[in-house]
Amino acid sequence: MKRFFPHPLMWFALLVMWLLLNQSVSLGHILLGGAVSVLALQGLAALKPEPVKIRFTLSIFKLIGVVLYDIIRSNIAVGKIVTSPGNDRIGSGFITLPMDMTSPYGLSILSTILTATPGTLWMQYDPSRNALMIHVLDLVDEGYWVNLIKSRYETLLMDIFE
């Protein structure tokens, strides 16, 4: 049973998502959504991801607060940059960020944070150098951005995942 139906809660969540996206609870959609969920979960089980080790500390709540604050602040800053006259002064660019974190789950969360925050975009991760390339809309000082990401996000993520 575990081989055919490895994660019943995830199966149910995928089925509910399928029904919500199709805006229908007909028998056909329930059967099709159930079949797609089973196939998706069997594919996921074949990947055999390593187990997640999360430390449930106050760092989780601090990270959530920091990210929400930064997203709101960045939305305002990007809005000002885009709507202000003289946009030719914008100095966007790429920076390479040396990482101390090695957890794939921490890196995944960091990629989501950076991409969800307006003005920054995760471009590439080089596992051989453990370095991250990001694009910044208003790049003035590369050292500022390296320090910002390492102090605000990486340290909290390392506390949670490593």
N, C-alpha and C. Protein backbone atom coordinates (compact mmCIF):
# COMPACT_ATOMS: atom_id res chain seq x y z
N MET A 1 0.83 -1.20 0.00
CA MET A 1 0.00 0.00 0.00
C MET A 1 0.87 1.25 0.00
N LYS A 2 1.98 1.24 0.76
CA LYS A 2 2.85 2.40 0.85
C LYS A 2 3.51 2.69 -0.50
N ARG A 3 3.78 1.65 -1.29
CA ARG A 3 4.40 1.85 -2.61
C ARG A 3 3.43 2.49 -3.58
N PHE A 4 2.18 2.12 -3.54
CA PHE A 4 1.17 2.67 -4.45
C PHE A 4 0.66 4.02 -3.96
N PHE A 5 0.57 4.18 -2.66
CA PHE A 5 -0.04 5.37 -2.06
C PHE A 5 0.91 5.93 -1.00
N PRO A 6 2.08 6.51 -1.42
CA PRO A 6 3.13 6.84 -0.45
C PRO A 6 2.80 7.96 0.54
N HIS A 7 2.04 8.97 0.12
CA HIS A 7 1.78 10.13 0.97
C HIS A 7 0.30 10.51 0.90
N PRO A 8 -0.54 9.94 1.77
CA PRO A 8 -1.98 10.19 1.65
C PRO A 8 -2.39 11.65 1.85
N LEU A 9 -1.73 12.38 2.76
CA LEU A 9 -2.10 13.78 2.96
C LEU A 9 -1.73 14.63 1.75
N MET A 10 -0.57 14.36 1.17
CA MET A 10 -0.16 15.08 -0.03
C MET A 10 -1.09 14.73 -1.19
N TRP A 11 -1.50 13.47 -1.27
CA TRP A 11 -2.44 13.05 -2.32
C TRP A 11 -3.74 13.85 -2.18
N PHE A 12 -4.24 13.95 -0.97
CA PHE A 12 -5.48 14.69 -0.73
C PHE A 12 -5.31 16.17 -1.08
N ALA A 13 -4.17 16.75 -0.72
CA ALA A 13 -3.92 18.16 -1.03
C ALA A 13 -3.85 18.39 -2.53
N LEU A 14 -3.20 17.49 -3.26
CA LEU A 14 -3.14 17.62 -4.71
C LEU A 14 -4.52 17.46 -5.35
N LEU A 15 -5.30 16.54 -4.82
CA LEU A 15 -6.66 16.34 -5.33
C LEU A 15 -7.51 17.59 -5.10
N VAL A 16 -7.44 18.15 -3.91
CA VAL A 16 -8.20 19.37 -3.62
C VAL A 16 -7.74 20.50 -4.53
N MET A 17 -6.43 20.64 -4.74
CA MET A 17 -5.92 21.68 -5.63
C MET A 17 -6.44 21.47 -7.05
N TRP A 18 -6.45 20.23 -7.51
CA TRP A 18 -6.97 19.90 -8.84
C TRP A 18 -8.44 20.33 -8.96
N LEU A 19 -9.23 19.99 -7.96
CA LEU A 19 -10.66 20.33 -8.00
C LEU A 19 -10.87 21.84 -7.94
N LEU A 20 -10.08 22.54 -7.14
CA LEU A 20 -10.20 23.99 -7.07
C LEU A 20 -9.81 24.65 -8.39
N LEU A 21 -8.74 24.18 -9.00
CA LEU A 21 -8.31 24.76 -10.27
C LEU A 21 -9.30 24.50 -11.39
N ASN A 22 -9.95 23.35 -11.35
CA ASN A 22 -10.94 23.03 -12.39
C ASN A 22 -12.33 23.56 -12.05
N GLN A 23 -12.51 24.04 -10.84
CA GLN A 23 -13.79 24.59 -10.36
C GLN A 23 -14.94 23.61 -10.61
N SER A 24 -14.65 22.35 -10.27
CA SER A 24 -15.67 21.32 -10.46
C SER A 24 -15.41 20.17 -9.49
N VAL A 25 -16.50 19.61 -8.96
CA VAL A 25 -16.40 18.44 -8.10
C VAL A 25 -17.13 17.26 -8.72
N SER A 26 -17.11 17.19 -10.03
CA SER A 26 -17.78 16.09 -10.71
C SER A 26 -16.97 14.80 -10.53
N LEU A 27 -17.65 13.68 -10.74
CA LEU A 27 -17.00 12.38 -10.57
C LEU A 27 -15.80 12.24 -11.49
N GLY A 28 -15.92 12.74 -12.71
CA GLY A 28 -14.81 12.66 -13.66
C GLY A 28 -13.58 13.41 -13.17
N HIS A 29 -13.79 14.61 -12.64
CA HIS A 29 -12.66 15.39 -12.14
C HIS A 29 -12.08 14.76 -10.88
N ILE A 30 -12.90 14.18 -10.04
CA ILE A 30 -12.39 13.52 -8.84
C ILE A 30 -11.52 12.32 -9.23
N LEU A 31 -11.99 11.51 -10.18
CA LEU A 31 -11.20 10.35 -10.62
C LEU A 31 -9.92 10.77 -11.33
N LEU A 32 -10.02 11.75 -12.23
CA LEU A 32 -8.84 12.20 -12.95
C LEU A 32 -7.84 12.87 -12.01
N GLY A 33 -8.33 13.72 -11.11
CA GLY A 33 -7.46 14.37 -10.15
C GLY A 33 -6.79 13.37 -9.22
N GLY A 34 -7.54 12.33 -8.81
CA GLY A 34 -6.96 11.29 -7.97
C GLY A 34 -5.88 10.52 -8.70
N ALA A 35 -6.11 10.22 -9.98
CA ALA A 35 -5.11 9.49 -10.76
C ALA A 35 -3.86 10.35 -10.99
N VAL A 36 -4.05 11.61 -11.32
CA VAL A 36 -2.90 12.50 -11.52
C VAL A 36 -2.12 12.65 -10.21
N SER A 37 -2.81 12.73 -9.08
CA SER A 37 -2.14 12.85 -7.78
C SER A 37 -1.31 11.62 -7.46
N VAL A 38 -1.85 10.43 -7.75
CA VAL A 38 -1.11 9.19 -7.49
C VAL A 38 0.14 9.14 -8.36
N LEU A 39 0.00 9.49 -9.65
CA LEU A 39 1.16 9.47 -10.54
C LEU A 39 2.21 10.50 -10.13
N ALA A 40 1.77 11.68 -9.74
CA ALA A 40 2.71 12.72 -9.31
C ALA A 40 3.46 12.29 -8.06
N LEU A 41 2.78 11.67 -7.13
CA LEU A 41 3.43 11.24 -5.89
C LEU A 41 4.35 10.04 -6.11
N GLN A 42 4.03 9.18 -7.05
CA GLN A 42 4.95 8.09 -7.37
C GLN A 42 6.21 8.64 -8.02
N GLY A 43 6.07 9.66 -8.84
CA GLY A 43 7.24 10.31 -9.43
C GLY A 43 8.08 10.99 -8.36
N LEU A 44 7.43 11.63 -7.40
CA LEU A 44 8.14 12.28 -6.30
C LEU A 44 8.87 11.24 -5.45
N ALA A 45 8.23 10.11 -5.20
CA ALA A 45 8.86 9.06 -4.39
C ALA A 45 10.08 8.50 -5.09
N ALA A 46 10.06 8.47 -6.42
CA ALA A 46 11.20 7.96 -7.18
C ALA A 46 12.42 8.86 -7.04
N LEU A 47 12.22 10.13 -6.74
CA LEU A 47 13.35 11.05 -6.57
C LEU A 47 14.10 10.80 -5.27
N LYS A 48 13.43 10.24 -4.29
CA LYS A 48 14.01 9.92 -2.99
C LYS A 48 14.74 11.11 -2.37
N PRO A 49 14.01 12.18 -2.09
CA PRO A 49 14.66 13.35 -1.48
C PRO A 49 15.12 13.03 -0.06
N GLU A 50 16.18 13.70 0.35
CA GLU A 50 16.66 13.49 1.72
C GLU A 50 15.66 14.10 2.70
N PRO A 51 15.54 13.52 3.88
CA PRO A 51 14.56 14.05 4.84
C PRO A 51 14.92 15.47 5.29
N VAL A 52 13.90 16.24 5.52
CA VAL A 52 14.09 17.62 5.97
C VAL A 52 14.34 17.61 7.47
N LYS A 53 15.36 18.32 7.89
CA LYS A 53 15.66 18.47 9.31
C LYS A 53 15.47 19.93 9.66
N ILE A 54 14.37 20.23 10.31
CA ILE A 54 14.06 21.61 10.68
C ILE A 54 14.19 21.76 12.18
N ARG A 55 14.90 22.80 12.59
CA ARG A 55 14.95 23.17 14.01
C ARG A 55 13.85 24.18 14.25
N PHE A 56 12.90 23.84 15.05
CA PHE A 56 11.80 24.75 15.34
C PHE A 56 12.23 25.75 16.42
N THR A 57 12.78 26.86 15.95
CA THR A 57 13.27 27.90 16.84
C THR A 57 12.52 29.21 16.53
N LEU A 58 12.83 30.22 17.29
CA LEU A 58 12.24 31.54 17.04
C LEU A 58 12.73 32.13 15.72
N SER A 59 13.80 31.55 15.16
CA SER A 59 14.33 32.03 13.88
C SER A 59 13.29 31.92 12.77
N ILE A 60 12.41 30.94 12.86
CA ILE A 60 11.36 30.78 11.84
C ILE A 60 10.46 32.01 11.84
N PHE A 61 10.02 32.44 13.00
CA PHE A 61 9.13 33.59 13.08
C PHE A 61 9.87 34.88 12.73
N LYS A 62 11.13 34.96 13.13
CA LYS A 62 11.92 36.14 12.79
C LYS A 62 12.11 36.22 11.28
N LEU A 63 12.39 35.09 10.63
CA LEU A 63 12.56 35.07 9.18
C LEU A 63 11.27 35.49 8.47
N ILE A 64 10.14 34.99 8.93
CA ILE A 64 8.86 35.38 8.33
C ILE A 64 8.65 36.88 8.44
N GLY A 65 8.91 37.44 9.60
CA GLY A 65 8.77 38.88 9.80
C GLY A 65 9.71 39.69 8.93
N VAL A 66 10.97 39.26 8.86
CA VAL A 66 11.97 39.97 8.05
C VAL A 66 11.57 39.94 6.58
N VAL A 67 11.15 38.77 6.10
CA VAL A 67 10.79 38.63 4.69
C VAL A 67 9.56 39.49 4.36
N LEU A 68 8.54 39.44 5.19
CA LEU A 68 7.35 40.27 4.93
C LEU A 68 7.70 41.75 4.93
N TYR A 69 8.52 42.19 5.88
CA TYR A 69 8.94 43.58 5.93
C TYR A 69 9.73 43.95 4.68
N ASP A 70 10.67 43.08 4.28
CA ASP A 70 11.50 43.38 3.11
C ASP A 70 10.69 43.40 1.82
N ILE A 71 9.70 42.53 1.70
CA ILE A 71 8.86 42.52 0.50
C ILE A 71 8.06 43.82 0.40
N ILE A 72 7.48 44.25 1.51
CA ILE A 72 6.72 45.51 1.50
C ILE A 72 7.64 46.69 1.20
N ARG A 73 8.78 46.74 1.87
CA ARG A 73 9.74 47.82 1.65
C ARG A 73 10.25 47.83 0.21
N SER A 74 10.53 46.65 -0.35
CA SER A 74 11.03 46.56 -1.72
C SER A 74 9.96 46.94 -2.73
N ASN A 75 8.70 46.59 -2.45
CA ASN A 75 7.62 47.00 -3.35
C ASN A 75 7.56 48.52 -3.45
N ILE A 76 7.68 49.19 -2.33
CA ILE A 76 7.65 50.66 -2.31
C ILE A 76 8.86 51.22 -3.05
N ALA A 77 10.05 50.66 -2.79
CA ALA A 77 11.27 51.15 -3.42
C ALA A 77 11.25 50.94 -4.93
N VAL A 78 10.83 49.76 -5.38
CA VAL A 78 10.77 49.49 -6.81
C VAL A 78 9.70 50.37 -7.47
N GLY A 79 8.58 50.57 -6.79
CA GLY A 79 7.56 51.47 -7.32
C GLY A 79 8.09 52.87 -7.53
N LYS A 80 8.88 53.37 -6.58
CA LYS A 80 9.47 54.71 -6.72
C LYS A 80 10.47 54.75 -7.87
N ILE A 81 11.27 53.69 -8.00
CA ILE A 81 12.27 53.64 -9.07
C ILE A 81 11.58 53.64 -10.44
N VAL A 82 10.56 52.83 -10.58
CA VAL A 82 9.89 52.67 -11.87
C VAL A 82 9.10 53.91 -12.26
N THR A 83 8.48 54.57 -11.29
CA THR A 83 7.62 55.72 -11.61
C THR A 83 8.34 57.06 -11.58
N SER A 84 9.55 57.10 -11.08
CA SER A 84 10.24 58.39 -11.00
C SER A 84 10.86 58.74 -12.34
N PRO A 85 10.88 60.05 -12.65
CA PRO A 85 11.55 60.46 -13.89
C PRO A 85 13.07 60.28 -13.76
N GLY A 86 13.71 60.06 -14.87
CA GLY A 86 15.16 59.88 -14.85
C GLY A 86 15.55 58.46 -14.51
N ASN A 87 14.82 57.48 -15.06
CA ASN A 87 15.13 56.07 -14.77
C ASN A 87 16.45 55.62 -15.37
N ASP A 88 17.11 56.48 -16.16
CA ASP A 88 18.38 56.09 -16.74
C ASP A 88 19.49 56.02 -15.69
N ARG A 89 19.22 56.49 -14.48
CA ARG A 89 20.20 56.45 -13.40
C ARG A 89 20.18 55.12 -12.65
N ILE A 90 19.26 54.24 -12.99
CA ILE A 90 19.17 52.96 -12.29
C ILE A 90 20.40 52.12 -12.64
N GLY A 91 21.08 51.66 -11.62
CA GLY A 91 22.28 50.84 -11.82
C GLY A 91 22.01 49.40 -11.49
N SER A 92 21.34 48.68 -12.36
CA SER A 92 21.09 47.27 -12.08
C SER A 92 22.32 46.46 -12.48
N GLY A 93 22.45 45.30 -11.88
CA GLY A 93 23.60 44.46 -12.20
C GLY A 93 23.54 43.12 -11.48
N PHE A 94 24.55 42.33 -11.75
CA PHE A 94 24.67 40.99 -11.17
C PHE A 94 25.75 41.00 -10.10
N ILE A 95 25.49 40.25 -9.03
CA ILE A 95 26.52 40.07 -8.01
C ILE A 95 26.66 38.58 -7.71
N THR A 96 27.86 38.21 -7.34
CA THR A 96 28.14 36.83 -6.92
C THR A 96 28.26 36.83 -5.41
N LEU A 97 27.48 35.96 -4.81
CA LEU A 97 27.38 35.91 -3.36
C LEU A 97 27.96 34.59 -2.86
N PRO A 98 29.09 34.61 -2.13
CA PRO A 98 29.61 33.36 -1.56
C PRO A 98 28.70 32.89 -0.42
N MET A 99 28.32 31.63 -0.46
CA MET A 99 27.38 31.10 0.51
C MET A 99 28.09 30.22 1.53
N ASP A 100 27.62 30.31 2.78
CA ASP A 100 28.07 29.40 3.83
C ASP A 100 27.08 28.24 3.98
N MET A 101 25.86 28.45 3.57
CA MET A 101 24.80 27.46 3.71
C MET A 101 24.92 26.40 2.61
N THR A 102 24.71 25.14 2.99
CA THR A 102 24.78 24.05 2.02
C THR A 102 23.49 23.24 1.95
N SER A 103 22.56 23.48 2.85
CA SER A 103 21.31 22.73 2.87
C SER A 103 20.49 23.02 1.61
N PRO A 104 20.10 21.98 0.86
CA PRO A 104 19.29 22.22 -0.34
C PRO A 104 17.93 22.85 0.01
N TYR A 105 17.40 22.54 1.18
CA TYR A 105 16.11 23.12 1.58
C TYR A 105 16.27 24.60 1.95
N GLY A 106 17.36 24.94 2.62
CA GLY A 106 17.63 26.33 2.92
C GLY A 106 17.87 27.14 1.67
N LEU A 107 18.61 26.56 0.71
CA LEU A 107 18.85 27.24 -0.56
C LEU A 107 17.55 27.43 -1.34
N SER A 108 16.69 26.44 -1.27
CA SER A 108 15.40 26.55 -1.95
C SER A 108 14.55 27.67 -1.37
N ILE A 109 14.52 27.77 -0.05
CA ILE A 109 13.76 28.85 0.59
C ILE A 109 14.39 30.20 0.26
N LEU A 110 15.73 30.27 0.24
CA LEU A 110 16.41 31.52 -0.11
C LEU A 110 16.08 31.93 -1.54
N SER A 111 16.03 30.97 -2.45
CA SER A 111 15.67 31.31 -3.83
C SER A 111 14.26 31.87 -3.92
N THR A 112 13.36 31.31 -3.14
CA THR A 112 11.98 31.81 -3.12
C THR A 112 11.92 33.22 -2.54
N ILE A 113 12.66 33.45 -1.46
CA ILE A 113 12.67 34.77 -0.83
C ILE A 113 13.22 35.81 -1.80
N LEU A 114 14.37 35.52 -2.42
CA LEU A 114 14.99 36.50 -3.31
C LEU A 114 14.14 36.78 -4.54
N THR A 115 13.51 35.77 -5.08
CA THR A 115 12.69 35.96 -6.27
C THR A 115 11.38 36.65 -5.92
N ALA A 116 10.84 36.42 -4.73
CA ALA A 116 9.57 37.05 -4.33
C ALA A 116 9.76 38.50 -3.90
N THR A 117 10.99 38.87 -3.57
CA THR A 117 11.27 40.25 -3.16
C THR A 117 11.52 41.09 -4.40
N PRO A 118 10.69 42.10 -4.64
CA PRO A 118 10.87 42.93 -5.84
C PRO A 118 12.25 43.58 -5.86
N GLY A 119 12.86 43.56 -7.04
CA GLY A 119 14.17 44.18 -7.21
C GLY A 119 15.32 43.19 -7.14
N THR A 120 15.06 41.96 -6.73
CA THR A 120 16.12 40.94 -6.70
C THR A 120 15.62 39.68 -7.40
N LEU A 121 16.55 38.95 -7.98
CA LEU A 121 16.20 37.73 -8.70
C LEU A 121 17.35 36.74 -8.59
N TRP A 122 17.04 35.53 -8.14
CA TRP A 122 18.00 34.43 -8.07
C TRP A 122 18.28 34.00 -9.50
N MET A 123 19.54 34.05 -9.93
CA MET A 123 19.88 33.71 -11.31
C MET A 123 20.50 32.32 -11.43
N GLN A 124 21.52 32.04 -10.59
CA GLN A 124 22.24 30.78 -10.75
C GLN A 124 22.94 30.42 -9.45
N TYR A 125 22.99 29.13 -9.17
CA TYR A 125 23.74 28.64 -8.02
C TYR A 125 24.81 27.70 -8.54
N ASP A 126 26.05 27.93 -8.13
CA ASP A 126 27.17 27.09 -8.51
C ASP A 126 27.57 26.23 -7.31
N PRO A 127 27.17 24.95 -7.28
CA PRO A 127 27.47 24.12 -6.11
C PRO A 127 28.97 23.83 -5.94
N SER A 128 29.74 23.86 -7.02
CA SER A 128 31.18 23.57 -6.89
C SER A 128 31.89 24.70 -6.14
N ARG A 129 31.44 25.94 -6.32
CA ARG A 129 32.03 27.07 -5.59
C ARG A 129 31.17 27.51 -4.41
N ASN A 130 29.99 26.92 -4.29
CA ASN A 130 29.01 27.31 -3.28
C ASN A 130 28.77 28.82 -3.35
N ALA A 131 28.49 29.27 -4.58
CA ALA A 131 28.29 30.69 -4.83
C ALA A 131 26.97 30.89 -5.57
N LEU A 132 26.35 32.00 -5.29
CA LEU A 132 25.04 32.33 -5.83
C LEU A 132 25.16 33.60 -6.65
N MET A 133 24.56 33.61 -7.85
CA MET A 133 24.52 34.82 -8.65
C MET A 133 23.09 35.36 -8.60
N ILE A 134 22.98 36.63 -8.23
CA ILE A 134 21.66 37.27 -8.21
C ILE A 134 21.71 38.56 -9.02
N HIS A 135 20.54 38.95 -9.49
CA HIS A 135 20.40 40.22 -10.20
C HIS A 135 19.71 41.19 -9.25
N VAL A 136 20.24 42.41 -9.17
CA VAL A 136 19.70 43.44 -8.30
C VAL A 136 19.32 44.64 -9.16
N LEU A 137 18.11 45.14 -8.98
CA LEU A 137 17.62 46.26 -9.77
C LEU A 137 18.36 47.55 -9.45
N ASP A 138 18.57 47.83 -8.19
CA ASP A 138 19.20 49.10 -7.79
C ASP A 138 20.56 48.85 -7.14
N LEU A 139 21.47 48.29 -7.91
CA LEU A 139 22.79 47.94 -7.40
C LEU A 139 23.67 49.18 -7.33
N VAL A 140 24.03 49.55 -6.12
CA VAL A 140 24.95 50.66 -5.91
C VAL A 140 26.25 50.13 -5.31
N ASP A 141 26.11 49.29 -4.28
CA ASP A 141 27.27 48.74 -3.57
C ASP A 141 27.09 47.24 -3.43
N GLU A 142 27.96 46.47 -4.09
CA GLU A 142 27.85 45.01 -4.05
C GLU A 142 28.05 44.48 -2.63
N GLY A 143 28.94 45.05 -1.88
CA GLY A 143 29.20 44.62 -0.51
C GLY A 143 27.98 44.78 0.38
N TYR A 144 27.22 45.85 0.14
CA TYR A 144 25.98 46.08 0.91
C TYR A 144 25.02 44.92 0.70
N TRP A 145 24.84 44.50 -0.56
CA TRP A 145 23.89 43.43 -0.85
C TRP A 145 24.37 42.09 -0.31
N VAL A 146 25.66 41.83 -0.41
CA VAL A 146 26.21 40.58 0.13
C VAL A 146 25.96 40.53 1.64
N ASN A 147 26.27 41.62 2.33
CA ASN A 147 26.07 41.68 3.78
C ASN A 147 24.59 41.58 4.13
N LEU A 148 23.73 42.24 3.37
CA LEU A 148 22.29 42.22 3.63
C LEU A 148 21.73 40.80 3.54
N ILE A 149 22.04 40.10 2.47
CA ILE A 149 21.48 38.76 2.27
C ILE A 149 22.05 37.78 3.28
N LYS A 150 23.35 37.87 3.55
CA LYS A 150 23.95 36.94 4.50
C LYS A 150 23.45 37.19 5.92
N SER A 151 23.29 38.46 6.31
CA SER A 151 22.90 38.74 7.69
C SER A 151 21.39 38.60 7.90
N ARG A 152 20.58 38.95 6.91
CA ARG A 152 19.13 38.93 7.11
C ARG A 152 18.51 37.58 6.80
N TYR A 153 19.05 36.85 5.83
CA TYR A 153 18.41 35.60 5.41
C TYR A 153 19.26 34.36 5.69
N GLU A 154 20.50 34.39 5.26
CA GLU A 154 21.31 33.17 5.34
C GLU A 154 21.52 32.70 6.78
N THR A 155 21.82 33.61 7.69
CA THR A 155 22.05 33.19 9.08
C THR A 155 20.80 32.57 9.69
N LEU A 156 19.63 33.15 9.40
CA LEU A 156 18.38 32.59 9.93
C LEU A 156 18.08 31.23 9.29
N LEU A 157 18.29 31.12 7.98
CA LEU A 157 18.04 29.84 7.31
C LEU A 157 19.00 28.76 7.80
N MET A 158 20.25 29.13 8.06
CA MET A 158 21.20 28.14 8.59
C MET A 158 20.79 27.70 10.00
N ASP A 159 20.23 28.60 10.77
CA ASP A 159 19.75 28.24 12.09
C ASP A 159 18.56 27.29 12.02
N ILE A 160 17.75 27.44 10.98
CA ILE A 160 16.56 26.60 10.83
C ILE A 160 16.90 25.25 10.22
N PHE A 161 17.73 25.23 9.17
CA PHE A 161 17.94 24.00 8.39
C PHE A 161 19.25 23.28 8.65
N GLU A 162 20.22 23.87 9.31
CA GLU A 162 21.50 23.16 9.48
C GLU A 162 21.86 23.00 10.94
